[in-house]
Amino acid sequence: MGVSVGLLGLIGSGKDTFGEMLLARLSQIDSRFQADSYGRPLKQLGSKVLGIDFSTIDDRDIKERSFNFKYTEQVEDLLYNFMGEELGFLGIELSEGLRKTRKNLKNLKSLSPREFYQKFGTEVVRCTSSEAWIKKLHSAHKYHPVLVRDVRFTNELCDINILVCRHEGIDRPEHESEHLAWDLEFADLEVDSDILRIENKGSLGDLEDKVDEVLVYLKSGGYL
């Protein structure tokens, strides 16, 4: 895989907006740059499980909305086949994934997309194989650089990582998928990977200026 640039940030940090700005500029520098996310296959799966149009699943009101949910045989088959065919789970891994799927989803009556990502993406898939989503993304980007929009765990960190900061004095989020961004922003967590912190506390124009700063950093560090 070519150079990988990762984005981190708590909910409401402006990470997605910054990512769109950065991708537009990166694509001008190198037309091979693509954007992707570890969670893209998970979102596609979630749209099928919850019966949501995939083009709307990232809308903030949709992402947080609870939908009626029933754990049927068809739903189980969909999730089981996804783990086997898309993630390459075999044998004990596949059996363990199915067990965790039943444990986390079977008794639910409603489910939001975000809850599905956390329960199936993290508590089922990642707890069965911590490298599953990483391998899936890397297999799709073997020969070109990529902007990864959703770094959430230390083993998902990229060659260079940009932490978008906006909040002040908030409590550590409950779900583990939000811990890395919080720990880097508020607890001075030290990691082995390159982390560039930017403050998003101004206007959209100010955020555009931050893109310029990031590009200078990427070029000086040999990432571009």
C-alpha atoms as a PDB file:
ATOM      1  CA  MET A   1       0.000   0.000   0.000  1.00  0.00           C
ATOM      2  CA  GLY A   2       1.131   3.581  -0.664  1.00  0.00           C
ATOM      3  CA  VAL A   3       1.396   6.167   2.094  1.00  0.00           C
ATOM      4  CA  SER A   4      -1.554   6.142   4.500  1.00  0.00           C
ATOM      5  CA  VAL A   5      -2.891   9.276   6.201  1.00  0.00           C
ATOM      6  CA  GLY A   6      -5.234   8.682   9.131  1.00  0.00           C
ATOM      7  CA  LEU A   7      -7.852  10.968  10.676  1.00  0.00           C
ATOM      8  CA  LEU A   8      -8.873  10.877  14.332  1.00  0.00           C
ATOM      9  CA  GLY A   9     -11.312  12.988  16.302  1.00  0.00           C
ATOM     10  CA  LEU A  10     -14.152  12.796  18.759  1.00  0.00           C
ATOM     11  CA  ILE A  11     -17.776  13.113  17.667  1.00  0.00           C
ATOM     12  CA  GLY A  12     -18.406  16.723  16.708  1.00  0.00           C
ATOM     13  CA  SER A  13     -14.739  17.582  16.224  1.00  0.00           C
ATOM     14  CA  GLY A  14     -15.165  18.445  12.550  1.00  0.00           C
ATOM     15  CA  LYS A  15     -13.075  15.482  11.449  1.00  0.00           C
ATOM     16  CA  ASP A  16     -15.318  14.620   8.505  1.00  0.00           C
ATOM     17  CA  THR A  17     -15.390  18.199   7.222  1.00  0.00           C
ATOM     18  CA  PHE A  18     -11.635  18.472   7.550  1.00  0.00           C
ATOM     19  CA  GLY A  19     -11.242  15.128   5.771  1.00  0.00           C
ATOM     20  CA  GLU A  20     -13.229  16.371   2.771  1.00  0.00           C
ATOM     21  CA  MET A  21     -11.084  19.508   2.570  1.00  0.00           C
ATOM     22  CA  LEU A  22      -7.860  17.545   2.900  1.00  0.00           C
ATOM     23  CA  LEU A  23      -8.811  14.935   0.311  1.00  0.00           C
ATOM     24  CA  ALA A  24      -9.598  17.632  -2.260  1.00  0.00           C
ATOM     25  CA  ARG A  25      -6.123  19.070  -1.827  1.00  0.00           C
ATOM     26  CA  LEU A  26      -4.343  15.721  -1.693  1.00  0.00           C
ATOM     27  CA  SER A  27      -6.033  14.675  -4.929  1.00  0.00           C
ATOM     28  CA  GLN A  28      -4.662  17.780  -6.628  1.00  0.00           C
ATOM     29  CA  ILE A  29      -1.149  16.832  -5.549  1.00  0.00           C
ATOM     30  CA  ASP A  30      -1.485  13.125  -6.369  1.00  0.00           C
ATOM     31  CA  SER A  31      -4.488  11.975  -8.383  1.00  0.00           C
ATOM     32  CA  ARG A  32      -4.032   8.423  -7.048  1.00  0.00           C
ATOM     33  CA  PHE A  33      -5.094   9.486  -3.539  1.00  0.00           C
ATOM     34  CA  GLN A  34      -8.321   7.852  -2.426  1.00  0.00           C
ATOM     35  CA  ALA A  35     -10.382   8.150   0.732  1.00  0.00           C
ATOM     36  CA  ASP A  36     -11.654   5.108   2.562  1.00  0.00           C
ATOM     37  CA  SER A  37     -12.532   3.996   6.063  1.00  0.00           C
ATOM     38  CA  TYR A  38     -12.104   0.864   8.109  1.00  0.00           C
ATOM     39  CA  GLY A  39     -15.846   1.048   8.657  1.00  0.00           C
ATOM     40  CA  ARG A  40     -16.948   1.317   5.018  1.00  0.00           C
ATOM     41  CA  PRO A  41     -17.811  -2.414   4.638  1.00  0.00           C
ATOM     42  CA  LEU A  42     -19.495  -2.253   8.042  1.00  0.00           C
ATOM     43  CA  LYS A  43     -21.671   0.663   6.963  1.00  0.00           C
ATOM     44  CA  GLN A  44     -22.653  -1.162   3.784  1.00  0.00           C
ATOM     45  CA  LEU A  45     -23.618  -4.161   5.894  1.00  0.00           C
ATOM     46  CA  GLY A  46     -25.487  -1.965   8.383  1.00  0.00           C
ATOM     47  CA  SER A  47     -27.600  -0.445   5.616  1.00  0.00           C
ATOM     48  CA  LYS A  48     -28.752  -3.951   4.678  1.00  0.00           C
ATOM     49  CA  VAL A  49     -29.375  -5.085   8.246  1.00  0.00           C
ATOM     50  CA  LEU A  50     -31.363  -1.964   9.173  1.00  0.00           C
ATOM     51  CA  GLY A  51     -32.989  -1.404   5.776  1.00  0.00           C
ATOM     52  CA  ILE A  52     -31.439   2.049   5.283  1.00  0.00           C
ATOM     53  CA  ASP A  53     -30.412   3.631   2.000  1.00  0.00           C
ATOM     54  CA  PHE A  54     -26.605   3.472   2.046  1.00  0.00           C
ATOM     55  CA  SER A  55     -26.349   6.981   0.589  1.00  0.00           C
ATOM     56  CA  THR A  56     -27.966   8.402   3.760  1.00  0.00           C
ATOM     57  CA  ILE A  57     -26.351   6.257   6.441  1.00  0.00           C
ATOM     58  CA  ASP A  58     -23.705   8.871   7.271  1.00  0.00           C
ATOM     59  CA  ASP A  59     -26.277  11.633   7.844  1.00  0.00           C
ATOM     60  CA  ARG A  60     -25.962  12.621  11.484  1.00  0.00           C
ATOM     61  CA  ASP A  61     -29.677  12.304  12.280  1.00  0.00           C
ATOM     62  CA  ILE A  62     -29.805   8.884  10.590  1.00  0.00           C
ATOM     63  CA  LYS A  63     -26.630   7.638  12.276  1.00  0.00           C
ATOM     64  CA  GLU A  64     -28.045   8.302  15.749  1.00  0.00           C
ATOM     65  CA  ARG A  65     -31.670   7.281  15.057  1.00  0.00           C
ATOM     66  CA  SER A  66     -32.995   4.045  16.542  1.00  0.00           C
ATOM     67  CA  PHE A  67     -34.675   1.743  14.034  1.00  0.00           C
ATOM     68  CA  ASN A  68     -36.914  -1.218  14.762  1.00  0.00           C
ATOM     69  CA  PHE A  69     -34.789  -4.340  14.756  1.00  0.00           C
ATOM     70  CA  LYS A  70     -35.506  -8.054  14.865  1.00  0.00           C
ATOM     71  CA  TYR A  71     -32.781 -10.671  14.930  1.00  0.00           C
ATOM     72  CA  THR A  72     -34.114 -13.118  12.352  1.00  0.00           C
ATOM     73  CA  GLU A  73     -32.565 -16.156  10.705  1.00  0.00           C
ATOM     74  CA  GLN A  74     -32.026 -14.004   7.608  1.00  0.00           C
ATOM     75  CA  VAL A  75     -30.140 -11.389   9.625  1.00  0.00           C
ATOM     76  CA  GLU A  76     -27.975 -14.065  11.222  1.00  0.00           C
ATOM     77  CA  ASP A  77     -27.195 -15.600   7.827  1.00  0.00           C
ATOM     78  CA  LEU A  78     -26.237 -12.169   6.454  1.00  0.00           C
ATOM     79  CA  LEU A  79     -23.848 -11.460   9.323  1.00  0.00           C
ATOM     80  CA  TYR A  80     -22.424 -14.994   9.365  1.00  0.00           C
ATOM     81  CA  ASN A  81     -21.760 -14.956   5.625  1.00  0.00           C
ATOM     82  CA  PHE A  82     -20.179 -11.517   5.865  1.00  0.00           C
ATOM     83  CA  MET A  83     -17.715 -12.732   8.497  1.00  0.00           C
ATOM     84  CA  GLY A  84     -16.840 -15.780   6.425  1.00  0.00           C
ATOM     85  CA  GLU A  85     -16.824 -14.392   2.886  1.00  0.00           C
ATOM     86  CA  GLU A  86     -15.784 -10.750   3.379  1.00  0.00           C
ATOM     87  CA  LEU A  87     -13.546 -10.995   6.443  1.00  0.00           C
ATOM     88  CA  GLY A  88     -12.172 -14.469   5.882  1.00  0.00           C
ATOM     89  CA  PHE A  89     -13.172 -15.910   9.256  1.00  0.00           C
ATOM     90  CA  LEU A  90     -12.776 -19.686   9.387  1.00  0.00           C
ATOM     91  CA  GLY A  91     -13.299 -22.453  11.915  1.00  0.00           C
ATOM     92  CA  ILE A  92     -13.039 -21.319  15.527  1.00  0.00           C
ATOM     93  CA  GLU A  93     -12.937 -17.652  14.505  1.00  0.00           C
ATOM     94  CA  LEU A  94     -16.207 -17.970  12.611  1.00  0.00           C
ATOM     95  CA  SER A  95     -17.863 -19.907  15.430  1.00  0.00           C
ATOM     96  CA  GLU A  96     -16.704 -17.335  17.972  1.00  0.00           C
ATOM     97  CA  GLY A  97     -17.949 -14.515  15.767  1.00  0.00           C
ATOM     98  CA  LEU A  98     -21.379 -16.118  15.552  1.00  0.00           C
ATOM     99  CA  ARG A  99     -21.499 -16.628  19.318  1.00  0.00           C
ATOM    100  CA  LYS A 100     -20.654 -12.973  19.942  1.00  0.00           C
ATOM    101  CA  THR A 101     -23.133 -11.850  17.297  1.00  0.00           C
ATOM    102  CA  ARG A 102     -25.956 -13.670  19.085  1.00  0.00           C
ATOM    103  CA  LYS A 103     -24.826 -12.332  22.449  1.00  0.00           C
ATOM    104  CA  ASN A 104     -24.720  -8.702  21.313  1.00  0.00           C
ATOM    105  CA  LEU A 105     -27.671  -8.512  18.922  1.00  0.00           C
ATOM    106  CA  LYS A 106     -30.175 -11.307  19.455  1.00  0.00           C
ATOM    107  CA  ASN A 107     -32.279  -9.687  22.199  1.00  0.00           C
ATOM    108  CA  LEU A 108     -32.365  -6.150  20.806  1.00  0.00           C
ATOM    109  CA  LYS A 109     -35.638  -4.586  19.682  1.00  0.00           C
ATOM    110  CA  SER A 110     -34.170  -1.385  18.258  1.00  0.00           C
ATOM    111  CA  LEU A 111     -30.780  -0.371  16.918  1.00  0.00           C
ATOM    112  CA  SER A 112     -29.182   2.780  15.550  1.00  0.00           C
ATOM    113  CA  PRO A 113     -26.458   2.629  12.884  1.00  0.00           C
ATOM    114  CA  ARG A 114     -23.883   3.840  15.429  1.00  0.00           C
ATOM    115  CA  GLU A 115     -24.950   1.121  17.882  1.00  0.00           C
ATOM    116  CA  PHE A 116     -24.656  -1.469  15.121  1.00  0.00           C
ATOM    117  CA  TYR A 117     -21.122  -0.291  14.292  1.00  0.00           C
ATOM    118  CA  GLN A 118     -20.137  -0.552  17.938  1.00  0.00           C
ATOM    119  CA  LYS A 119     -21.841  -3.838  18.737  1.00  0.00           C
ATOM    120  CA  PHE A 120     -21.020  -5.750  15.563  1.00  0.00           C
ATOM    121  CA  GLY A 121     -17.973  -3.880  14.280  1.00  0.00           C
ATOM    122  CA  THR A 122     -16.148  -3.656  17.610  1.00  0.00           C
ATOM    123  CA  GLU A 123     -17.667  -6.079  20.101  1.00  0.00           C
ATOM    124  CA  VAL A 124     -18.105  -8.901  17.581  1.00  0.00           C
ATOM    125  CA  VAL A 125     -15.606  -8.518  14.743  1.00  0.00           C
ATOM    126  CA  ARG A 126     -12.773  -6.635  16.396  1.00  0.00           C
ATOM    127  CA  CYS A 127     -12.986  -8.694  19.595  1.00  0.00           C
ATOM    128  CA  THR A 128     -12.753 -11.831  17.457  1.00  0.00           C
ATOM    129  CA  SER A 129      -9.924 -10.573  15.232  1.00  0.00           C
ATOM    130  CA  SER A 130      -8.341  -7.186  15.985  1.00  0.00           C
ATOM    131  CA  GLU A 131      -6.816  -7.077  12.487  1.00  0.00           C
ATOM    132  CA  ALA A 132      -9.956  -7.904  10.493  1.00  0.00           C
ATOM    133  CA  TRP A 133     -10.924  -4.382   9.426  1.00  0.00           C
ATOM    134  CA  ILE A 134      -7.285  -3.419   8.826  1.00  0.00           C
ATOM    135  CA  LYS A 135      -6.705  -6.357   6.484  1.00  0.00           C
ATOM    136  CA  LYS A 136      -9.936  -5.566   4.646  1.00  0.00           C
ATOM    137  CA  LEU A 137      -8.871  -1.980   3.971  1.00  0.00           C
ATOM    138  CA  HIS A 138      -5.281  -2.827   3.059  1.00  0.00           C
ATOM    139  CA  SER A 139      -6.455  -5.413   0.517  1.00  0.00           C
ATOM    140  CA  ALA A 140      -8.395  -2.689  -1.289  1.00  0.00           C
ATOM    141  CA  HIS A 141      -5.498  -0.211  -1.431  1.00  0.00           C
ATOM    142  CA  LYS A 142      -2.402  -2.168  -2.351  1.00  0.00           C
ATOM    143  CA  TYR A 143      -0.955   0.213  -4.923  1.00  0.00           C
ATOM    144  CA  HIS A 144      -2.048   3.772  -4.139  1.00  0.00           C
ATOM    145  CA  PRO A 145      -2.045   6.267  -1.236  1.00  0.00           C
ATOM    146  CA  VAL A 146      -5.115   6.455   0.968  1.00  0.00           C
ATOM    147  CA  LEU A 147      -6.744   8.849   3.425  1.00  0.00           C
ATOM    148  CA  VAL A 148      -8.289   6.739   6.204  1.00  0.00           C
ATOM    149  CA  ARG A 149     -11.189   8.681   7.699  1.00  0.00           C
ATOM    150  CA  ASP A 150     -11.869   6.692  10.878  1.00  0.00           C
ATOM    151  CA  VAL A 151      -8.813   5.658  12.909  1.00  0.00           C
ATOM    152  CA  ARG A 152     -10.136   4.506  16.298  1.00  0.00           C
ATOM    153  CA  PHE A 153      -7.587   2.077  17.770  1.00  0.00           C
ATOM    154  CA  THR A 154      -3.801   2.102  18.121  1.00  0.00           C
ATOM    155  CA  ASN A 155      -3.287  -0.764  15.673  1.00  0.00           C
ATOM    156  CA  GLU A 156      -5.275   1.206  13.078  1.00  0.00           C
ATOM    157  CA  LEU A 157      -2.868   4.167  13.158  1.00  0.00           C
ATOM    158  CA  CYS A 158      -1.419   5.073   9.762  1.00  0.00           C
ATOM    159  CA  ASP A 159       1.955   6.335   8.533  1.00  0.00           C
ATOM    160  CA  ILE A 160       0.911   9.850   9.552  1.00  0.00           C
ATOM    161  CA  ASN A 161      -2.172  10.643  11.634  1.00  0.00           C
ATOM    162  CA  ILE A 162      -4.078  13.894  12.081  1.00  0.00           C
ATOM    163  CA  LEU A 163      -5.972  14.470  15.325  1.00  0.00           C
ATOM    164  CA  VAL A 164      -8.760  17.040  14.933  1.00  0.00           C
ATOM    165  CA  CYS A 165      -9.479  18.725  18.285  1.00  0.00           C
ATOM    166  CA  ARG A 166     -12.469  20.915  19.118  1.00  0.00           C
ATOM    167  CA  HIS A 167     -13.793  20.033  22.563  1.00  0.00           C
ATOM    168  CA  GLU A 168     -12.780  21.292  25.987  1.00  0.00           C
ATOM    169  CA  GLY A 169     -13.044  19.415  29.255  1.00  0.00           C
ATOM    170  CA  ILE A 170     -15.384  16.587  28.216  1.00  0.00           C
ATOM    171  CA  ASP A 171     -15.585  13.260  30.006  1.00  0.00           C
ATOM    172  CA  ARG A 172     -13.999  10.186  28.480  1.00  0.00           C
ATOM    173  CA  PRO A 173     -16.611   8.521  26.204  1.00  0.00           C
ATOM    174  CA  GLU A 174     -18.104   5.249  27.343  1.00  0.00           C
ATOM    175  CA  HIS A 175     -17.411   3.171  24.245  1.00  0.00           C
ATOM    176  CA  GLU A 176     -13.875   1.965  23.618  1.00  0.00           C
ATOM    177  CA  SER A 177     -13.949   3.027  19.976  1.00  0.00           C
ATOM    178  CA  GLU A 178     -13.813   6.662  21.161  1.00  0.00           C
ATOM    179  CA  HIS A 179     -11.033   6.185  23.722  1.00  0.00           C
ATOM    180  CA  LEU A 180      -7.977   6.667  21.484  1.00  0.00           C
ATOM    181  CA  ALA A 181      -9.040  10.113  20.237  1.00  0.00           C
ATOM    182  CA  TRP A 182      -9.919  11.233  23.779  1.00  0.00           C
ATOM    183  CA  ASP A 183      -6.693   9.863  25.272  1.00  0.00           C
ATOM    184  CA  LEU A 184      -4.601  11.612  22.624  1.00  0.00           C
ATOM    185  CA  GLU A 185      -6.460  14.904  23.059  1.00  0.00           C
ATOM    186  CA  PHE A 186      -6.847  15.040  26.826  1.00  0.00           C
ATOM    187  CA  ALA A 187      -4.566  12.459  28.469  1.00  0.00           C
ATOM    188  CA  ASP A 188      -1.365  13.055  26.470  1.00  0.00           C
ATOM    189  CA  LEU A 189      -1.241   9.421  25.404  1.00  0.00           C
ATOM    190  CA  GLU A 190       2.074   8.549  23.768  1.00  0.00           C
ATOM    191  CA  VAL A 191       2.038   6.259  20.732  1.00  0.00           C
ATOM    192  CA  ASP A 192       4.728   5.070  18.342  1.00  0.00           C
ATOM    193  CA  SER A 193       3.041   6.565  15.270  1.00  0.00           C
ATOM    194  CA  ASP A 194       3.346  10.118  13.949  1.00  0.00           C
ATOM    195  CA  ILE A 195       0.465  12.280  15.265  1.00  0.00           C
ATOM    196  CA  LEU A 196      -0.211  15.829  14.062  1.00  0.00           C
ATOM    197  CA  ARG A 197      -2.687  17.746  16.222  1.00  0.00           C
ATOM    198  CA  ILE A 198      -4.812  20.536  14.777  1.00  0.00           C
ATOM    199  CA  GLU A 199      -7.237  22.790  16.635  1.00  0.00           C
ATOM    200  CA  ASN A 200     -10.637  23.332  15.015  1.00  0.00           C
ATOM    201  CA  LYS A 201     -12.057  26.197  17.058  1.00  0.00           C
ATOM    202  CA  GLY A 202     -12.629  28.834  14.406  1.00  0.00           C
ATOM    203  CA  SER A 203     -14.390  29.292  11.086  1.00  0.00           C
ATOM    204  CA  LEU A 204     -14.396  27.079   8.000  1.00  0.00           C
ATOM    205  CA  GLY A 205     -11.834  29.472   6.556  1.00  0.00           C
ATOM    206  CA  ASP A 206      -9.608  28.849   9.567  1.00  0.00           C
ATOM    207  CA  LEU A 207     -10.008  25.117   8.990  1.00  0.00           C
ATOM    208  CA  GLU A 208      -8.930  25.556   5.359  1.00  0.00           C
ATOM    209  CA  ASP A 209      -5.783  27.240   6.669  1.00  0.00           C
ATOM    210  CA  LYS A 210      -5.150  24.163   8.807  1.00  0.00           C
ATOM    211  CA  VAL A 211      -5.224  22.067   5.625  1.00  0.00           C
ATOM    212  CA  ASP A 212      -2.393  24.213   4.271  1.00  0.00           C
ATOM    213  CA  GLU A 213      -0.419  23.591   7.478  1.00  0.00           C
ATOM    214  CA  VAL A 214      -0.980  19.857   7.217  1.00  0.00           C
ATOM    215  CA  LEU A 215       0.169  19.762   3.591  1.00  0.00           C
ATOM    216  CA  VAL A 216       3.374  21.595   4.504  1.00  0.00           C
ATOM    217  CA  TYR A 217       3.955  19.047   7.285  1.00  0.00           C
ATOM    218  CA  LEU A 218       3.278  16.090   4.992  1.00  0.00           C
ATOM    219  CA  LYS A 219       5.670  17.420   2.353  1.00  0.00           C
ATOM    220  CA  SER A 220       8.435  18.228   4.847  1.00  0.00           C
ATOM    221  CA  GLY A 221       8.108  14.771   6.373  1.00  0.00           C
ATOM    222  CA  GLY A 222       8.399  13.028   3.024  1.00  0.00           C
ATOM    223  CA  TYR A 223       4.843  11.703   3.051  1.00  0.00           C
ATOM    224  CA  LEU A 224       3.995  13.420  -0.237  1.00  0.00           C
END
